[in-house]
């Protein structure tokens, strides 16, 4: 008998940013279902460069094994052309976990107090990481 899933993700795309509203504490069933939801959305909405913004409520947390799956979701997203992951944190514990994850893994993660700050940082990260467009170059002219 499987346990009831705890935790909920609400996903939406706006241009090249995937917004994930994260609700409640998570168990393994909830975080696994959420990761699958993220994977499905990213695969459906193929982007050449994009960013992810997680907006965490005050109850968003999980046991160490849950946090490991969240880290795997970050890693997977970065392997799928995601250039930056921002989290709008509601608690100091969320900030600490995010910062520890960033330091330990070197992933391009950052925590913010407001959505506006997170959006600005993500736009800056995408602008820096997109390959420059070749203008007026004709490779056959050599």
Protein backbone atom coordinates (compact mmCIF):
# COMPACT_ATOMS: atom_id res chain seq x y z
CA UNK A 1 0.00 0.00 0.00
CA UNK A 2 1.47 3.36 -1.01
CA UNK A 3 1.33 6.46 1.12
CA UNK A 4 -0.76 9.47 0.23
CA UNK A 5 1.20 12.10 -1.69
CA UNK A 6 2.03 15.28 0.25
CA UNK A 7 3.07 18.53 -1.38
CA UNK A 8 1.88 20.21 -4.54
CA UNK A 9 3.43 22.00 -7.50
CA UNK A 10 1.63 24.44 -9.77
CA UNK A 11 3.59 25.01 -12.98
CA UNK A 12 3.28 27.71 -15.61
CA UNK A 13 5.51 29.07 -18.36
CA UNK A 14 5.87 32.75 -19.12
CA UNK A 15 8.18 33.22 -22.10
CA UNK A 16 11.40 31.40 -21.13
CA UNK A 17 10.75 31.14 -17.40
CA UNK A 18 9.15 28.13 -15.74
CA UNK A 19 7.37 29.26 -12.59
CA UNK A 20 6.77 26.60 -9.96
CA UNK A 21 4.51 27.49 -7.04
CA UNK A 22 5.43 25.04 -4.30
CA UNK A 23 2.81 24.28 -1.62
CA UNK A 24 3.18 22.43 1.65
CA UNK A 25 5.56 19.89 3.13
CA UNK A 26 6.60 17.03 0.84
CA UNK A 27 6.98 13.31 1.31
CA UNK A 28 8.71 10.99 -1.19
CA UNK A 29 5.49 10.34 -3.08
CA UNK A 30 4.80 14.06 -3.44
CA UNK A 31 8.32 15.05 -4.47
CA UNK A 32 8.52 12.17 -6.98
CA UNK A 33 5.19 13.18 -8.53
CA UNK A 34 6.39 16.80 -8.63
CA UNK A 35 9.65 15.87 -10.36
CA UNK A 36 7.69 13.93 -13.00
CA UNK A 37 5.44 16.96 -13.48
CA UNK A 38 8.49 19.18 -14.04
CA UNK A 39 10.04 16.70 -16.49
CA UNK A 40 6.81 16.44 -18.49
CA UNK A 41 6.44 20.23 -18.71
CA UNK A 42 10.05 20.82 -19.76
CA UNK A 43 9.95 18.09 -22.41
CA UNK A 44 6.63 19.43 -23.77
CA UNK A 45 7.87 23.04 -23.92
CA UNK A 46 11.32 22.54 -25.45
CA UNK A 47 13.35 25.73 -24.96
CA UNK A 48 16.90 26.43 -26.12
CA UNK A 49 17.59 28.43 -22.93
CA UNK A 50 15.29 28.92 -19.97
CA UNK A 51 15.18 29.59 -16.24
CA UNK A 52 13.25 28.11 -13.35
CA UNK A 53 11.75 30.06 -10.46
CA UNK A 54 10.44 28.14 -7.46
CA UNK A 55 8.13 30.13 -5.20
CA UNK A 56 8.14 28.35 -1.83
CA UNK A 57 5.42 28.70 0.78
CA UNK A 58 6.24 28.67 4.51
CA UNK A 59 5.52 24.94 4.80
CA UNK A 60 7.74 23.83 1.91
CA UNK A 61 10.29 21.42 3.31
CA UNK A 62 10.97 17.72 3.43
CA UNK A 63 13.09 14.99 4.96
CA UNK A 64 16.68 14.57 3.72
CA UNK A 65 15.66 11.99 1.10
CA UNK A 66 13.04 14.45 -0.22
CA UNK A 67 15.63 17.21 -0.42
CA UNK A 68 17.88 14.86 -2.40
CA UNK A 69 15.15 14.42 -5.04
CA UNK A 70 14.73 18.20 -5.23
CA UNK A 71 18.49 18.47 -5.86
CA UNK A 72 18.16 15.84 -8.60
CA UNK A 73 15.38 17.91 -10.18
CA UNK A 74 17.70 20.94 -10.21
CA UNK A 75 20.45 18.88 -11.83
CA UNK A 76 18.05 17.45 -14.42
CA UNK A 77 16.74 20.91 -15.33
CA UNK A 78 20.26 22.26 -15.78
CA UNK A 79 20.95 19.34 -18.13
CA UNK A 80 17.88 20.38 -20.17
CA UNK A 81 19.13 23.88 -21.14
CA UNK A 82 18.02 25.58 -17.91
CA UNK A 83 20.60 28.29 -17.26
CA UNK A 84 19.50 29.37 -13.77
CA UNK A 85 17.30 28.28 -10.89
CA UNK A 86 15.96 30.87 -8.46
CA UNK A 87 13.97 30.20 -5.31
CA UNK A 88 11.79 32.75 -3.60
CA UNK A 89 12.27 31.58 -0.01
CA UNK A 90 9.75 32.07 2.79
CA UNK A 91 11.88 30.83 5.69
CA UNK A 92 15.50 31.00 6.84
CA UNK A 93 15.72 27.19 6.73
CA UNK A 94 14.84 27.23 3.02
CA UNK A 95 17.56 29.86 2.43
CA UNK A 96 20.12 27.76 4.33
CA UNK A 97 19.32 24.56 2.45
CA UNK A 98 19.46 26.33 -0.91
CA UNK A 99 22.78 27.98 -0.07
CA UNK A 100 24.26 24.68 1.16
CA UNK A 101 23.12 22.99 -2.05
CA UNK A 102 24.68 25.76 -4.17
CA UNK A 103 27.98 25.60 -2.29
CA UNK A 104 28.14 21.81 -2.33
CA UNK A 105 27.20 21.32 -6.01
CA UNK A 106 28.28 24.52 -7.75
CA UNK A 107 24.90 24.66 -9.50
CA UNK A 108 23.67 28.03 -10.71
CA UNK A 109 21.13 28.51 -7.89
CA UNK A 110 20.15 31.60 -5.93
CA UNK A 111 17.65 32.50 -3.23
CA UNK A 112 15.58 35.68 -3.14
CA UNK A 113 13.07 37.39 -0.88
CA UNK A 114 10.84 38.60 -3.72
CA UNK A 115 9.63 37.32 -7.06
CA UNK A 116 10.76 40.53 -8.78
CA UNK A 117 14.36 39.97 -7.61
CA UNK A 118 14.27 36.36 -8.77
CA UNK A 119 12.93 37.34 -12.19
CA UNK A 120 15.59 40.02 -12.65
CA UNK A 121 18.40 37.62 -11.75
CA UNK A 122 17.03 34.95 -14.09
CA UNK A 123 16.80 37.42 -16.98
CA UNK A 124 20.40 38.49 -16.34
CA UNK A 125 21.57 34.88 -16.22
CA UNK A 126 19.80 34.03 -19.48
CA UNK A 127 21.24 37.11 -21.22
CA UNK A 128 24.76 36.10 -20.15
CA UNK A 129 24.46 32.46 -21.13
CA UNK A 130 22.71 32.62 -24.48
CA UNK A 131 25.13 32.16 -27.35
CA UNK A 132 25.65 35.34 -29.36
CA UNK A 133 23.86 35.41 -32.68
CA UNK A 134 26.07 35.47 -35.73
CA UNK A 135 25.01 38.47 -37.76
CA UNK A 136 25.87 38.69 -41.42
CA UNK A 137 28.35 35.83 -41.39
CA UNK A 138 28.40 33.67 -44.45
CA UNK A 139 30.56 30.57 -43.86
CA UNK A 140 30.79 29.91 -47.62
CA UNK A 141 32.57 33.23 -48.24
CA UNK A 142 36.00 31.96 -47.02
